[in-house]
Amino acid sequence: MTGDRLNLDQLTEHAMWVHALYDELNHKERGRTWNREEFMLGFVGDVGDLAKLVMAQEGAREMPGGREVLHHELADCLWSVLVLAKLYDVDLDTEFRRTVGELEEAITARLTEPSSEVS
């Protein structure tokens, strides 16, 4: 995939295509596919890898690969989120807008409160 930027629907469509390829490969090699719980556990492993890579970027640990591996892992985690959202029938566009709107509103409200002195 190269060229123009993709929108969320296009990203999801491609993510699901790759997910279907993984299902086909797992069925061929293992006689079964991953269920949603197993897929989620794989995602948790990816998030753990991402945490280690961020720590390496911040100088807290050594990790080979540098920024390229960080980029890959961020994209891998996004892929998992897109697939999980589709598997659980979550409209990410709607939910993202709602959630970020709520966060923005809550943060803005706190910022307009009288400030308490931090010592």
PDB file of N, CA and C in Angstrom:
ATOM      1  N   MET A   1       0.846  -1.179   0.000  1.00  0.00           N
ATOM      2  CA  MET A   1       0.000   0.000   0.000  1.00  0.00           C
ATOM      3  C   MET A   1       0.884   1.232   0.000  1.00  0.00           C
ATOM      4  N   THR A   2       0.856   1.943  -1.073  1.00  0.00           N
ATOM      5  CA  THR A   2       1.590   3.200  -1.148  1.00  0.00           C
ATOM      6  C   THR A   2       0.692   4.212  -1.810  1.00  0.00           C
ATOM      7  N   GLY A   3       1.114   5.464  -1.791  1.00  0.00           N
ATOM      8  CA  GLY A   3       0.353   6.496  -2.473  1.00  0.00           C
ATOM      9  C   GLY A   3      -0.439   7.350  -1.522  1.00  0.00           C
ATOM     10  N   ASP A   4      -1.681   7.633  -1.923  1.00  0.00           N
ATOM     11  CA  ASP A   4      -2.535   8.547  -1.166  1.00  0.00           C
ATOM     12  C   ASP A   4      -2.827   8.019   0.233  1.00  0.00           C
ATOM     13  N   ARG A   5      -3.102   8.970   1.127  1.00  0.00           N
ATOM     14  CA  ARG A   5      -3.505   8.601   2.486  1.00  0.00           C
ATOM     15  C   ARG A   5      -4.878   7.930   2.429  1.00  0.00           C
ATOM     16  N   LEU A   6      -5.080   6.982   3.320  1.00  0.00           N
ATOM     17  CA  LEU A   6      -6.342   6.263   3.376  1.00  0.00           C
ATOM     18  C   LEU A   6      -7.203   6.805   4.501  1.00  0.00           C
ATOM     19  N   ASN A   7      -8.505   6.743   4.314  1.00  0.00           N
ATOM     20  CA  ASN A   7      -9.402   7.132   5.402  1.00  0.00           C
ATOM     21  C   ASN A   7      -9.632   5.915   6.304  1.00  0.00           C
ATOM     22  N   LEU A   8     -10.342   6.129   7.387  1.00  0.00           N
ATOM     23  CA  LEU A   8     -10.535   5.072   8.379  1.00  0.00           C
ATOM     24  C   LEU A   8     -11.228   3.843   7.789  1.00  0.00           C
ATOM     25  N   ASP A   9     -12.218   4.048   6.943  1.00  0.00           N
ATOM     26  CA  ASP A   9     -12.906   2.907   6.323  1.00  0.00           C
ATOM     27  C   ASP A   9     -11.958   2.101   5.440  1.00  0.00           C
ATOM     28  N   GLN A  10     -11.113   2.790   4.692  1.00  0.00           N
ATOM     29  CA  GLN A  10     -10.155   2.097   3.828  1.00  0.00           C
ATOM     30  C   GLN A  10      -9.112   1.344   4.653  1.00  0.00           C
ATOM     31  N   LEU A  11      -8.645   1.977   5.725  1.00  0.00           N
ATOM     32  CA  LEU A  11      -7.697   1.303   6.615  1.00  0.00           C
ATOM     33  C   LEU A  11      -8.326   0.043   7.208  1.00  0.00           C
ATOM     34  N   THR A  12      -9.569   0.158   7.645  1.00  0.00           N
ATOM     35  CA  THR A  12     -10.267  -0.988   8.234  1.00  0.00           C
ATOM     36  C   THR A  12     -10.452  -2.100   7.210  1.00  0.00           C
ATOM     37  N   GLU A  13     -10.834  -1.737   6.005  1.00  0.00           N
ATOM     38  CA  GLU A  13     -11.025  -2.738   4.952  1.00  0.00           C
ATOM     39  C   GLU A  13      -9.727  -3.502   4.696  1.00  0.00           C
ATOM     40  N   HIS A  14      -8.626  -2.778   4.605  1.00  0.00           N
ATOM     41  CA  HIS A  14      -7.344  -3.441   4.365  1.00  0.00           C
ATOM     42  C   HIS A  14      -6.927  -4.277   5.580  1.00  0.00           C
ATOM     43  N   ALA A  15      -7.167  -3.761   6.775  1.00  0.00           N
ATOM     44  CA  ALA A  15      -6.847  -4.513   7.996  1.00  0.00           C
ATOM     45  C   ALA A  15      -7.610  -5.832   8.026  1.00  0.00           C
ATOM     46  N   MET A  16      -8.875  -5.801   7.651  1.00  0.00           N
ATOM     47  CA  MET A  16      -9.684  -7.021   7.660  1.00  0.00           C
ATOM     48  C   MET A  16      -9.239  -7.996   6.571  1.00  0.00           C
ATOM     49  N   TRP A  17      -8.765  -7.470   5.448  1.00  0.00           N
ATOM     50  CA  TRP A  17      -8.235  -8.333   4.392  1.00  0.00           C
ATOM     51  C   TRP A  17      -7.018  -9.099   4.922  1.00  0.00           C
ATOM     52  N   VAL A  18      -6.111  -8.388   5.599  1.00  0.00           N
ATOM     53  CA  VAL A  18      -4.925  -9.038   6.156  1.00  0.00           C
ATOM     54  C   VAL A  18      -5.331 -10.009   7.270  1.00  0.00           C
ATOM     55  N   HIS A  19      -6.327  -9.635   8.059  1.00  0.00           N
ATOM     56  CA  HIS A  19      -6.829 -10.536   9.105  1.00  0.00           C
ATOM     57  C   HIS A  19      -7.349 -11.838   8.480  1.00  0.00           C
ATOM     58  N   ALA A  20      -8.056 -11.726   7.368  1.00  0.00           N
ATOM     59  CA  ALA A  20      -8.557 -12.917   6.670  1.00  0.00           C
ATOM     60  C   ALA A  20      -7.396 -13.773   6.154  1.00  0.00           C
ATOM     61  N   LEU A  21      -6.336 -13.122   5.681  1.00  0.00           N
ATOM     62  CA  LEU A  21      -5.155 -13.869   5.241  1.00  0.00           C
ATOM     63  C   LEU A  21      -4.521 -14.620   6.411  1.00  0.00           C
ATOM     64  N   TYR A  22      -4.434 -13.964   7.570  1.00  0.00           N
ATOM     65  CA  TYR A  22      -3.921 -14.647   8.765  1.00  0.00           C
ATOM     66  C   TYR A  22      -4.800 -15.846   9.121  1.00  0.00           C
ATOM     67  N   ASP A  23      -6.115 -15.672   9.042  1.00  0.00           N
ATOM     68  CA  ASP A  23      -7.021 -16.795   9.319  1.00  0.00           C
ATOM     69  C   ASP A  23      -6.731 -17.965   8.379  1.00  0.00           C
ATOM     70  N   GLU A  24      -6.563 -17.645   7.104  1.00  0.00           N
ATOM     71  CA  GLU A  24      -6.278 -18.684   6.113  1.00  0.00           C
ATOM     72  C   GLU A  24      -4.950 -19.383   6.430  1.00  0.00           C
ATOM     73  N   LEU A  25      -3.927 -18.606   6.770  1.00  0.00           N
ATOM     74  CA  LEU A  25      -2.621 -19.172   7.097  1.00  0.00           C
ATOM     75  C   LEU A  25      -2.686 -20.025   8.359  1.00  0.00           C
ATOM     76  N   ASN A  26      -3.345 -19.517   9.398  1.00  0.00           N
ATOM     77  CA  ASN A  26      -3.469 -20.283  10.641  1.00  0.00           C
ATOM     78  C   ASN A  26      -4.236 -21.590  10.420  1.00  0.00           C
ATOM     79  N   HIS A  27      -5.277 -21.526   9.612  1.00  0.00           N
ATOM     80  CA  HIS A  27      -6.047 -22.740   9.314  1.00  0.00           C
ATOM     81  C   HIS A  27      -5.172 -23.750   8.577  1.00  0.00           C
ATOM     82  N   LYS A  28      -4.390 -23.269   7.627  1.00  0.00           N
ATOM     83  CA  LYS A  28      -3.507 -24.145   6.854  1.00  0.00           C
ATOM     84  C   LYS A  28      -2.430 -24.759   7.744  1.00  0.00           C
ATOM     85  N   GLU A  29      -1.805 -23.944   8.597  1.00  0.00           N
ATOM     86  CA  GLU A  29      -0.663 -24.410   9.385  1.00  0.00           C
ATOM     87  C   GLU A  29      -1.054 -25.069  10.705  1.00  0.00           C
ATOM     88  N   ARG A  30      -2.199 -24.695  11.270  1.00  0.00           N
ATOM     89  CA  ARG A  30      -2.566 -25.192  12.595  1.00  0.00           C
ATOM     90  C   ARG A  30      -3.931 -25.865  12.646  1.00  0.00           C
ATOM     91  N   GLY A  31      -4.668 -25.787  11.545  1.00  0.00           N
ATOM     92  CA  GLY A  31      -5.986 -26.408  11.515  1.00  0.00           C
ATOM     93  C   GLY A  31      -7.057 -25.617  12.245  1.00  0.00           C
ATOM     94  N   ARG A  32      -6.753 -24.380  12.609  1.00  0.00           N
ATOM     95  CA  ARG A  32      -7.723 -23.531  13.319  1.00  0.00           C
ATOM     96  C   ARG A  32      -7.318 -22.070  13.161  1.00  0.00           C
ATOM     97  N   THR A  33      -8.266 -21.209  13.452  1.00  0.00           N
ATOM     98  CA  THR A  33      -7.989 -19.773  13.444  1.00  0.00           C
ATOM     99  C   THR A  33      -8.070 -19.247  14.874  1.00  0.00           C
ATOM    100  N   TRP A  34      -7.546 -18.056  15.065  1.00  0.00           N
ATOM    101  CA  TRP A  34      -7.633 -17.424  16.380  1.00  0.00           C
ATOM    102  C   TRP A  34      -9.047 -16.911  16.604  1.00  0.00           C
ATOM    103  N   ASN A  35      -9.548 -17.070  17.840  1.00  0.00           N
ATOM    104  CA  ASN A  35     -10.816 -16.434  18.184  1.00  0.00           C
ATOM    105  C   ASN A  35     -10.528 -14.994  18.629  1.00  0.00           C
ATOM    106  N   ARG A  36     -11.572 -14.259  18.949  1.00  0.00           N
ATOM    107  CA  ARG A  36     -11.392 -12.847  19.311  1.00  0.00           C
ATOM    108  C   ARG A  36     -10.545 -12.681  20.562  1.00  0.00           C
ATOM    109  N   GLU A  37     -10.718 -13.584  21.521  1.00  0.00           N
ATOM    110  CA  GLU A  37      -9.928 -13.499  22.755  1.00  0.00           C
ATOM    111  C   GLU A  37      -8.438 -13.705  22.466  1.00  0.00           C
ATOM    112  N   GLU A  38      -8.116 -14.687  21.643  1.00  0.00           N
ATOM    113  CA  GLU A  38      -6.717 -14.939  21.292  1.00  0.00           C
ATOM    114  C   GLU A  38      -6.136 -13.770  20.509  1.00  0.00           C
ATOM    115  N   PHE A  39      -6.943 -13.197  19.629  1.00  0.00           N
ATOM    116  CA  PHE A  39      -6.488 -12.028  18.880  1.00  0.00           C
ATOM    117  C   PHE A  39      -6.175 -10.886  19.844  1.00  0.00           C
ATOM    118  N   MET A  40      -7.044 -10.681  20.836  1.00  0.00           N
ATOM    119  CA  MET A  40      -6.824  -9.631  21.831  1.00  0.00           C
ATOM    120  C   MET A  40      -5.546  -9.887  22.612  1.00  0.00           C
ATOM    121  N   LEU A  41      -5.296 -11.130  22.986  1.00  0.00           N
ATOM    122  CA  LEU A  41      -4.064 -11.457  23.708  1.00  0.00           C
ATOM    123  C   LEU A  41      -2.831 -11.179  22.844  1.00  0.00           C
ATOM    124  N   GLY A  42      -2.922 -11.423  21.558  1.00  0.00           N
ATOM    125  CA  GLY A  42      -1.840 -11.057  20.642  1.00  0.00           C
ATOM    126  C   GLY A  42      -1.610  -9.555  20.637  1.00  0.00           C
ATOM    127  N   PHE A  43      -2.698  -8.795  20.667  1.00  0.00           N
ATOM    128  CA  PHE A  43      -2.612  -7.332  20.717  1.00  0.00           C
ATOM    129  C   PHE A  43      -1.932  -6.878  22.004  1.00  0.00           C
ATOM    130  N   VAL A  44      -2.281  -7.512  23.118  1.00  0.00           N
ATOM    131  CA  VAL A  44      -1.651  -7.172  24.400  1.00  0.00           C
ATOM    132  C   VAL A  44      -0.136  -7.378  24.303  1.00  0.00           C
ATOM    133  N   GLY A  45       0.285  -8.458  23.662  1.00  0.00           N
ATOM    134  CA  GLY A  45       1.715  -8.684  23.450  1.00  0.00           C
ATOM    135  C   GLY A  45       2.342  -7.578  22.630  1.00  0.00           C
ATOM    136  N   ASP A  46       1.625  -7.131  21.584  1.00  0.00           N
ATOM    137  CA  ASP A  46       2.126  -6.034  20.753  1.00  0.00           C
ATOM    138  C   ASP A  46       2.238  -4.740  21.552  1.00  0.00           C
ATOM    139  N   VAL A  47       1.275  -4.483  22.421  1.00  0.00           N
ATOM    140  CA  VAL A  47       1.325  -3.278  23.257  1.00  0.00           C
ATOM    141  C   VAL A  47       2.523  -3.357  24.207  1.00  0.00           C
ATOM    142  N   GLY A  48       2.798  -4.548  24.727  1.00  0.00           N
ATOM    143  CA  GLY A  48       3.985  -4.724  25.559  1.00  0.00           C
ATOM    144  C   GLY A  48       5.261  -4.426  24.785  1.00  0.00           C
ATOM    145  N   ASP A  49       5.324  -4.907  23.542  1.00  0.00           N
ATOM    146  CA  ASP A  49       6.479  -4.604  22.689  1.00  0.00           C
ATOM    147  C   ASP A  49       6.591  -3.105  22.448  1.00  0.00           C
ATOM    148  N   LEU A  50       5.452  -2.462  22.212  1.00  0.00           N
ATOM    149  CA  LEU A  50       5.439  -1.016  22.004  1.00  0.00           C
ATOM    150  C   LEU A  50       5.960  -0.285  23.238  1.00  0.00           C
ATOM    151  N   ALA A  51       5.548  -0.730  24.417  1.00  0.00           N
ATOM    152  CA  ALA A  51       6.011  -0.099  25.660  1.00  0.00           C
ATOM    153  C   ALA A  51       7.532  -0.178  25.766  1.00  0.00           C
ATOM    154  N   LYS A  52       8.102  -1.325  25.437  1.00  0.00           N
ATOM    155  CA  LYS A  52       9.557  -1.480  25.489  1.00  0.00           C
ATOM    156  C   LYS A  52      10.246  -0.560  24.486  1.00  0.00           C
ATOM    157  N   LEU A  53       9.660  -0.429  23.309  1.00  0.00           N
ATOM    158  CA  LEU A  53      10.246   0.435  22.285  1.00  0.00           C
ATOM    159  C   LEU A  53      10.188   1.901  22.688  1.00  0.00           C
ATOM    160  N   VAL A  54       9.101   2.313  23.309  1.00  0.00           N
ATOM    161  CA  VAL A  54       9.000   3.694  23.795  1.00  0.00           C
ATOM    162  C   VAL A  54      10.043   3.922  24.883  1.00  0.00           C
ATOM    163  N   MET A  55      10.188   2.963  25.777  1.00  0.00           N
ATOM    164  CA  MET A  55      11.215   3.088  26.815  1.00  0.00           C
ATOM    165  C   MET A  55      12.601   3.232  26.187  1.00  0.00           C
ATOM    166  N   ALA A  56      12.867   2.478  25.137  1.00  0.00           N
ATOM    167  CA  ALA A  56      14.155   2.572  24.448  1.00  0.00           C
ATOM    168  C   ALA A  56      14.330   3.944  23.814  1.00  0.00           C
ATOM    169  N   GLN A  57      13.265   4.463  23.212  1.00  0.00           N
ATOM    170  CA  GLN A  57      13.345   5.793  22.603  1.00  0.00           C
ATOM    171  C   GLN A  57      13.634   6.867  23.645  1.00  0.00           C
ATOM    172  N   GLU A  58      13.181   6.635  24.864  1.00  0.00           N
ATOM    173  CA  GLU A  58      13.380   7.601  25.949  1.00  0.00           C
ATOM    174  C   GLU A  58      14.661   7.326  26.738  1.00  0.00           C
ATOM    175  N   GLY A  59      15.432   6.336  26.297  1.00  0.00           N
ATOM    176  CA  GLY A  59      16.715   6.058  26.923  1.00  0.00           C
ATOM    177  C   GLY A  59      16.651   5.207  28.177  1.00  0.00           C
ATOM    178  N   ALA A  60      15.509   4.606  28.462  1.00  0.00           N
ATOM    179  CA  ALA A  60      15.349   3.824  29.686  1.00  0.00           C
ATOM    180  C   ALA A  60      15.764   2.368  29.516  1.00  0.00           C
ATOM    181  N   ARG A  61      15.967   1.927  28.272  1.00  0.00           N
ATOM    182  CA  ARG A  61      16.393   0.553  28.024  1.00  0.00           C
ATOM    183  C   ARG A  61      16.994   0.463  26.637  1.00  0.00           C
ATOM    184  N   GLU A  62      17.652  -0.627  26.377  1.00  0.00           N
ATOM    185  CA  GLU A  62      18.240  -0.874  25.059  1.00  0.00           C
ATOM    186  C   GLU A  62      17.285  -1.733  24.237  1.00  0.00           C
ATOM    187  N   MET A  63      17.079  -1.356  22.993  1.00  0.00           N
ATOM    188  CA  MET A  63      16.275  -2.154  22.062  1.00  0.00           C
ATOM    189  C   MET A  63      16.865  -1.953  20.677  1.00  0.00           C
ATOM    190  N   PRO A  64      17.134  -3.028  19.969  1.00  0.00           N
ATOM    191  CA  PRO A  64      17.631  -2.878  18.599  1.00  0.00           C
ATOM    192  C   PRO A  64      16.521  -2.398  17.665  1.00  0.00           C
ATOM    193  N   GLY A  65      16.911  -1.727  16.615  1.00  0.00           N
ATOM    194  CA  GLY A  65      15.951  -1.342  15.588  1.00  0.00           C
ATOM    195  C   GLY A  65      15.573   0.116  15.577  1.00  0.00           C
ATOM    196  N   GLY A  66      15.598   0.756  16.721  1.00  0.00           N
ATOM    197  CA  GLY A  66      15.329   2.187  16.790  1.00  0.00           C
ATOM    198  C   GLY A  66      13.938   2.582  16.333  1.00  0.00           C
ATOM    199  N   ARG A  67      13.873   3.753  15.711  1.00  0.00           N
ATOM    200  CA  ARG A  67      12.587   4.350  15.334  1.00  0.00           C
ATOM    201  C   ARG A  67      11.824   3.516  14.312  1.00  0.00           C
ATOM    202  N   GLU A  68      12.528   2.838  13.427  1.00  0.00           N
ATOM    203  CA  GLU A  68      11.825   2.032  12.418  1.00  0.00           C
ATOM    204  C   GLU A  68      10.979   0.952  13.074  1.00  0.00           C
ATOM    205  N   VAL A  69      11.517   0.320  14.101  1.00  0.00           N
ATOM    206  CA  VAL A  69      10.771  -0.726  14.799  1.00  0.00           C
ATOM    207  C   VAL A  69       9.609  -0.101  15.570  1.00  0.00           C
ATOM    208  N   LEU A  70       9.824   1.078  16.139  1.00  0.00           N
ATOM    209  CA  LEU A  70       8.740   1.801  16.821  1.00  0.00           C
ATOM    210  C   LEU A  70       7.611   2.105  15.839  1.00  0.00           C
ATOM    211  N   HIS A  71       7.957   2.591  14.660  1.00  0.00           N
ATOM    212  CA  HIS A  71       6.946   2.887  13.634  1.00  0.00           C
ATOM    213  C   HIS A  71       6.153   1.630  13.292  1.00  0.00           C
ATOM    214  N   HIS A  72       6.877   0.530  13.088  1.00  0.00           N
ATOM    215  CA  HIS A  72       6.226  -0.738  12.750  1.00  0.00           C
ATOM    216  C   HIS A  72       5.255  -1.156  13.856  1.00  0.00           C
ATOM    217  N   GLU A  73       5.697  -1.073  15.108  1.00  0.00           N
ATOM    218  CA  GLU A  73       4.864  -1.555  16.213  1.00  0.00           C
ATOM    219  C   GLU A  73       3.633  -0.676  16.403  1.00  0.00           C
ATOM    220  N   LEU A  74       3.781   0.643  16.213  1.00  0.00           N
ATOM    221  CA  LEU A  74       2.610   1.530  16.284  1.00  0.00           C
ATOM    222  C   LEU A  74       1.591   1.148  15.215  1.00  0.00           C
ATOM    223  N   ALA A  75       2.071   0.889  13.995  1.00  0.00           N
ATOM    224  CA  ALA A  75       1.165   0.493  12.913  1.00  0.00           C
ATOM    225  C   ALA A  75       0.547  -0.873  13.196  1.00  0.00           C
ATOM    226  N   ASP A  76       1.321  -1.781  13.769  1.00  0.00           N
ATOM    227  CA  ASP A  76       0.810  -3.104  14.121  1.00  0.00           C
ATOM    228  C   ASP A  76      -0.304  -2.988  15.159  1.00  0.00           C
ATOM    229  N   CYS A  77      -0.108  -2.117  16.149  1.00  0.00           N
ATOM    230  CA  CYS A  77      -1.141  -1.908  17.173  1.00  0.00           C
ATOM    231  C   CYS A  77      -2.394  -1.283  16.561  1.00  0.00           C
ATOM    232  N   LEU A  78      -2.207  -0.333  15.650  1.00  0.00           N
ATOM    233  CA  LEU A  78      -3.361   0.262  14.973  1.00  0.00           C
ATOM    234  C   LEU A  78      -4.120  -0.813  14.200  1.00  0.00           C
ATOM    235  N   TRP A  79      -3.394  -1.682  13.515  1.00  0.00           N
ATOM    236  CA  TRP A  79      -4.036  -2.773  12.786  1.00  0.00           C
ATOM    237  C   TRP A  79      -4.914  -3.597  13.726  1.00  0.00           C
ATOM    238  N   SER A  80      -4.377  -3.940  14.888  1.00  0.00           N
ATOM    239  CA  SER A  80      -5.147  -4.734  15.848  1.00  0.00           C
ATOM    240  C   SER A  80      -6.389  -3.996  16.327  1.00  0.00           C
ATOM    241  N   VAL A  81      -6.265  -2.707  16.601  1.00  0.00           N
ATOM    242  CA  VAL A  81      -7.423  -1.912  17.045  1.00  0.00           C
ATOM    243  C   VAL A  81      -8.490  -1.891  15.955  1.00  0.00           C
ATOM    244  N   LEU A  82      -8.076  -1.692  14.716  1.00  0.00           N
ATOM    245  CA  LEU A  82      -9.041  -1.671  13.610  1.00  0.00           C
ATOM    246  C   LEU A  82      -9.762  -3.010  13.492  1.00  0.00           C
ATOM    247  N   VAL A  83      -9.020  -4.102  13.591  1.00  0.00           N
ATOM    248  CA  VAL A  83      -9.633  -5.432  13.486  1.00  0.00           C
ATOM    249  C   VAL A  83     -10.571  -5.681  14.662  1.00  0.00           C
ATOM    250  N   LEU A  84     -10.121  -5.386  15.876  1.00  0.00           N
ATOM    251  CA  LEU A  84     -10.976  -5.597  17.047  1.00  0.00           C
ATOM    252  C   LEU A  84     -12.260  -4.780  16.955  1.00  0.00           C
ATOM    253  N   ALA A  85     -12.148  -3.541  16.509  1.00  0.00           N
ATOM    254  CA  ALA A  85     -13.343  -2.706  16.369  1.00  0.00           C
ATOM    255  C   ALA A  85     -14.321  -3.336  15.381  1.00  0.00           C
ATOM    256  N   LYS A  86     -13.813  -3.836  14.292  1.00  0.00           N
ATOM    257  CA  LYS A  86     -14.680  -4.474  13.295  1.00  0.00           C
ATOM    258  C   LYS A  86     -15.289  -5.764  13.852  1.00  0.00           C
ATOM    259  N   LEU A  87     -14.479  -6.569  14.530  1.00  0.00           N
ATOM    260  CA  LEU A  87     -14.981  -7.830  15.087  1.00  0.00           C
ATOM    261  C   LEU A  87     -16.064  -7.609  16.138  1.00  0.00           C
ATOM    262  N   TYR A  88     -15.975  -6.490  16.853  1.00  0.00           N
ATOM    263  CA  TYR A  88     -16.962  -6.182  17.896  1.00  0.00           C
ATOM    264  C   TYR A  88     -17.983  -5.141  17.437  1.00  0.00           C
ATOM    265  N   ASP A  89     -17.999  -4.859  16.137  1.00  0.00           N
ATOM    266  CA  ASP A  89     -18.979  -3.950  15.541  1.00  0.00           C
ATOM    267  C   ASP A  89     -18.989  -2.580  16.224  1.00  0.00           C
ATOM    268  N   VAL A  90     -17.800  -2.013  16.378  1.00  0.00           N
ATOM    269  CA  VAL A  90     -17.650  -0.678  16.961  1.00  0.00           C
ATOM    270  C   VAL A  90     -17.352   0.302  15.832  1.00  0.00           C
ATOM    271  N   ASP A  91     -18.135   1.354  15.736  1.00  0.00           N
ATOM    272  CA  ASP A  91     -17.899   2.410  14.756  1.00  0.00           C
ATOM    273  C   ASP A  91     -16.833   3.340  15.339  1.00  0.00           C
ATOM    274  N   LEU A  92     -15.578   3.106  14.947  1.00  0.00           N
ATOM    275  CA  LEU A  92     -14.473   3.873  15.525  1.00  0.00           C
ATOM    276  C   LEU A  92     -14.570   5.360  15.242  1.00  0.00           C
ATOM    277  N   ASP A  93     -15.038   5.731  14.073  1.00  0.00           N
ATOM    278  CA  ASP A  93     -15.162   7.154  13.754  1.00  0.00           C
ATOM    279  C   ASP A  93     -16.089   7.836  14.753  1.00  0.00           C
ATOM    280  N   THR A  94     -17.263   7.258  14.943  1.00  0.00           N
ATOM    281  CA  THR A  94     -18.239   7.828  15.878  1.00  0.00           C
ATOM    282  C   THR A  94     -17.707   7.813  17.301  1.00  0.00           C
ATOM    283  N   GLU A  95     -17.174   6.683  17.727  1.00  0.00           N
ATOM    284  CA  GLU A  95     -16.708   6.557  19.111  1.00  0.00           C
ATOM    285  C   GLU A  95     -15.488   7.422  19.388  1.00  0.00           C
ATOM    286  N   PHE A  96     -14.594   7.545  18.413  1.00  0.00           N
ATOM    287  CA  PHE A  96     -13.429   8.415  18.594  1.00  0.00           C
ATOM    288  C   PHE A  96     -13.873   9.862  18.766  1.00  0.00           C
ATOM    289  N   ARG A  97     -14.750  10.310  17.878  1.00  0.00           N
ATOM    290  CA  ARG A  97     -15.230  11.700  17.971  1.00  0.00           C
ATOM    291  C   ARG A  97     -15.930  11.952  19.308  1.00  0.00           C
ATOM    292  N   ARG A  98     -16.770  10.999  19.738  1.00  0.00           N
ATOM    293  CA  ARG A  98     -17.489  11.152  20.997  1.00  0.00           C
ATOM    294  C   ARG A  98     -16.520  11.184  22.178  1.00  0.00           C
ATOM    295  N   THR A  99     -15.620  10.223  22.212  1.00  0.00           N
ATOM    296  CA  THR A  99     -14.692  10.112  23.340  1.00  0.00           C
ATOM    297  C   THR A  99     -13.754  11.308  23.422  1.00  0.00           C
ATOM    298  N   VAL A 100     -13.175  11.700  22.306  1.00  0.00           N
ATOM    299  CA  VAL A 100     -12.258  12.840  22.312  1.00  0.00           C
ATOM    300  C   VAL A 100     -13.017  14.129  22.618  1.00  0.00           C
ATOM    301  N   GLY A 101     -14.249  14.231  22.146  1.00  0.00           N
ATOM    302  CA  GLY A 101     -15.076  15.391  22.492  1.00  0.00           C
ATOM    303  C   GLY A 101     -15.326  15.474  23.987  1.00  0.00           C
ATOM    304  N   GLU A 102     -15.630  14.325  24.604  1.00  0.00           N
ATOM    305  CA  GLU A 102     -15.838  14.293  26.058  1.00  0.00           C
ATOM    306  C   GLU A 102     -14.558  14.654  26.804  1.00  0.00           C
ATOM    307  N   LEU A 103     -13.432  14.131  26.344  1.00  0.00           N
ATOM    308  CA  LEU A 103     -12.149  14.466  26.974  1.00  0.00           C
ATOM    309  C   LEU A 103     -11.863  15.959  26.867  1.00  0.00           C
ATOM    310  N   GLU A 104     -12.064  16.500  25.674  1.00  0.00           N
ATOM    311  CA  GLU A 104     -11.829  17.924  25.451  1.00  0.00           C
ATOM    312  C   GLU A 104     -12.700  18.765  26.379  1.00  0.00           C
ATOM    313  N   GLU A 105     -13.959  18.396  26.479  1.00  0.00           N
ATOM    314  CA  GLU A 105     -14.894  19.129  27.333  1.00  0.00           C
ATOM    315  C   GLU A 105     -14.467  19.062  28.802  1.00  0.00           C
ATOM    316  N   ALA A 106     -14.105  17.881  29.274  1.00  0.00           N
ATOM    317  CA  ALA A 106     -13.704  17.713  30.675  1.00  0.00           C
ATOM    318  C   ALA A 106     -12.415  18.466  30.981  1.00  0.00           C
ATOM    319  N   ILE A 107     -11.450  18.398  30.080  1.00  0.00           N
ATOM    320  CA  ILE A 107     -10.180  19.092  30.298  1.00  0.00           C
ATOM    321  C   ILE A 107     -10.381  20.597  30.267  1.00  0.00           C
ATOM    322  N   THR A 108     -11.165  21.072  29.306  1.00  0.00           N
ATOM    323  CA  THR A 108     -11.435  22.507  29.209  1.00  0.00           C
ATOM    324  C   THR A 108     -12.122  23.007  30.465  1.00  0.00           C
ATOM    325  N   ALA A 109     -13.075  22.239  30.987  1.00  0.00           N
ATOM    326  CA  ALA A 109     -13.771  22.635  32.216  1.00  0.00           C
ATOM    327  C   ALA A 109     -12.791  22.740  33.377  1.00  0.00           C
ATOM    328  N   ARG A 110     -11.888  21.793  33.484  1.00  0.00           N
ATOM    329  CA  ARG A 110     -10.907  21.833  34.574  1.00  0.00           C
ATOM    330  C   ARG A 110      -9.938  22.990  34.409  1.00  0.00           C
ATOM    331  N   LEU A 111      -9.587  23.309  33.180  1.00  0.00           N
ATOM    332  CA  LEU A 111      -8.667  24.425  32.939  1.00  0.00           C
ATOM    333  C   LEU A 111      -9.293  25.770  33.280  1.00  0.00           C
ATOM    334  N   THR A 112     -10.612  25.861  33.197  1.00  0.00           N
ATOM    335  CA  THR A 112     -11.274  27.132  33.502  1.00  0.00           C
ATOM    336  C   THR A 112     -11.618  27.271  34.981  1.00  0.00           C
ATOM    337  N   GLU A 113     -11.414  26.206  35.767  1.00  0.00           N
ATOM    338  CA  GLU A 113     -11.638  26.293  37.210  1.00  0.00           C
ATOM    339  C   GLU A 113     -10.550  27.166  37.827  1.00  0.00           C
ATOM    340  N   PRO A 114     -10.871  27.794  38.965  1.00  0.00           N
ATOM    341  CA  PRO A 114      -9.821  28.552  39.653  1.00  0.00           C
ATOM    342  C   PRO A 114      -8.654  27.622  39.978  1.00  0.00           C
ATOM    343  N   SER A 115      -7.489  28.123  39.760  1.00  0.00           N
ATOM    344  CA  SER A 115      -6.295  27.302  39.924  1.00  0.00           C
ATOM    345  C   SER A 115      -5.907  27.180  41.385  1.00  0.00           C
ATOM    346  N   SER A 116      -5.502  25.974  41.763  1.00  0.00           N
ATOM    347  CA  SER A 116      -4.969  25.793  43.113  1.00  0.00           C
ATOM    348  C   SER A 116      -3.450  25.823  43.000  1.00  0.00           C
ATOM    349  N   GLU A 117      -2.832  26.477  43.931  1.00  0.00           N
ATOM    350  CA  GLU A 117      -1.384  26.643  43.900  1.00  0.00           C
ATOM    351  C   GLU A 117      -0.695  25.307  44.135  1.00  0.00           C
ATOM    352  N   VAL A 118       0.276  25.011  43.309  1.00  0.00           N
ATOM    353  CA  VAL A 118       1.091  23.815  43.474  1.00  0.00           C
ATOM    354  C   VAL A 118       2.387  24.247  44.134  1.00  0.00           C
ATOM    355  N   SER A 119       2.726  23.588  45.236  1.00  0.00           N
ATOM    356  CA  SER A 119       3.962  24.001  45.916  1.00  0.00           C
ATOM    357  C   SER A 119       5.070  23.023  45.706  1.00  0.00           C
TER     358      SER A 119
END
